[in-house]
Protein backbone atom coordinates (compact mmCIF):
# COMPACT_ATOMS: atom_id res chain seq x y z
CA MET A 1 -4.75 -44.07 28.95
CA SER A 2 -3.84 -40.74 27.40
CA SER A 3 -2.01 -38.09 29.36
CA ALA A 4 -5.00 -35.74 29.16
CA VAL A 5 -7.27 -38.30 30.83
CA LYS A 6 -4.69 -38.95 33.54
CA TRP A 7 -4.29 -35.20 34.10
CA TRP A 8 -8.06 -34.69 34.23
CA SER A 9 -8.60 -37.54 36.71
CA ARG A 10 -5.83 -36.24 38.98
CA LEU A 11 -7.26 -32.72 38.85
CA SER A 12 -10.77 -33.89 39.64
CA ALA A 13 -9.48 -36.02 42.53
CA ALA A 14 -7.62 -33.00 43.94
CA VAL A 15 -10.67 -30.75 43.61
CA THR A 16 -12.90 -33.38 45.23
CA GLY A 17 -10.47 -33.74 48.11
CA ALA A 18 -10.28 -29.98 48.60
CA VAL A 19 -14.06 -29.61 48.58
CA LEU A 20 -14.51 -32.43 51.08
CA THR A 21 -11.78 -30.94 53.26
CA LEU A 22 -13.85 -27.77 53.50
CA VAL A 23 -17.37 -29.21 53.55
CA VAL A 24 -17.02 -31.88 56.24
CA PRO A 25 -15.72 -29.58 59.03
CA VAL A 26 -18.26 -26.88 58.16
CA HIS A 27 -21.07 -29.42 58.30
CA ALA A 28 -19.84 -30.68 61.67
CA TRP A 29 -19.63 -27.13 63.00
CA ALA A 30 -23.11 -26.27 61.74
CA ALA A 31 -24.57 -29.39 63.33
CA SER A 32 -23.02 -28.66 66.73
CA THR A 33 -23.55 -24.91 67.20
CA GLY A 34 -27.32 -24.64 67.10
CA VAL A 35 -27.47 -23.23 63.58
CA ALA A 36 -30.51 -25.43 62.93
CA ASP A 37 -32.43 -23.64 65.69
CA VAL A 38 -31.55 -20.27 64.18
CA ALA A 39 -32.70 -21.48 60.76
CA VAL A 40 -36.01 -22.70 62.18
CA GLU A 41 -36.61 -19.38 63.94
CA ALA A 42 -35.76 -17.47 60.76
CA ALA A 43 -38.19 -19.59 58.77
CA ARG A 44 -40.96 -19.02 61.31
CA SER A 45 -40.50 -15.27 61.52
CA ARG A 46 -40.16 -14.76 57.78
CA ARG A 47 -42.97 -12.86 56.16
CA SER A 48 -44.68 -14.64 53.32
CA ARG A 49 -44.12 -12.95 49.99
CA GLY A 50 -45.98 -13.20 46.75
CA GLY A 51 -43.11 -14.58 44.66
CA ILE A 52 -40.13 -16.83 45.00
CA GLY A 53 -37.70 -13.95 45.19
CA PHE A 54 -34.16 -13.49 43.95
CA PHE A 55 -32.50 -15.84 46.42
CA GLY A 56 -34.99 -18.60 45.66
CA ILE A 57 -34.17 -18.38 41.97
CA LEU A 58 -30.44 -18.16 42.68
CA GLY A 59 -30.61 -21.17 44.99
CA GLY A 60 -32.54 -23.17 42.42
CA LEU A 61 -30.05 -22.25 39.71
CA CYS A 62 -27.14 -23.26 41.95
CA CYS A 63 -28.84 -26.58 42.66
CA LEU A 64 -29.34 -27.22 38.95
CA VAL A 65 -25.67 -26.47 38.24
CA VAL A 66 -24.54 -28.92 40.94
CA VAL A 67 -26.90 -31.66 39.75
CA GLY A 68 -25.81 -31.06 36.15
CA GLY A 69 -22.15 -31.34 37.16
CA ILE A 70 -22.79 -34.63 38.91
CA VAL A 71 -24.69 -36.01 35.91
CA LEU A 72 -21.91 -34.86 33.57
CA ALA A 73 -19.26 -36.55 35.72
CA ILE A 74 -21.24 -39.81 35.74
CA VAL A 75 -21.71 -39.69 31.96
CA LEU A 76 -18.02 -39.01 31.33
CA ILE A 77 -16.92 -41.78 33.68
CA SER A 78 -19.31 -44.30 32.10
CA ARG A 79 -18.16 -43.35 28.57
CA ASN A 80 -14.52 -43.88 29.52
CA ARG A 81 -15.29 -47.33 30.93
CA LYS A 82 -17.09 -48.43 27.76
CA ARG A 83 -14.11 -47.53 25.55
CA ARG A 84 -11.89 -50.15 27.19
C-alpha cells in the first residue's frame, strides 16, 4: 500500500471520528430537549409560499453534496479493493 493511500485512510478515519464525536452528542441533546416539538410548531405556523425559497435550495444542495461524498467514498473504496 502506498504512503499516500495510508495517509488518506488515516485522515479520513480521523475526520470521521471527529464528525461522529460532534454529531452523536448533538443528536442526543436534540432528542431530549423537546426540539422536535418546536420544529413541529414552526412547521404548523409557517406561511405557505409560492416557491421553494433560498433555504430549500440550499438544503437540497447540501444534501446532494453529502450524498455525492458518500458515493465517492464507496467508489474509491471499491476501486482500491479490486486492485489487490
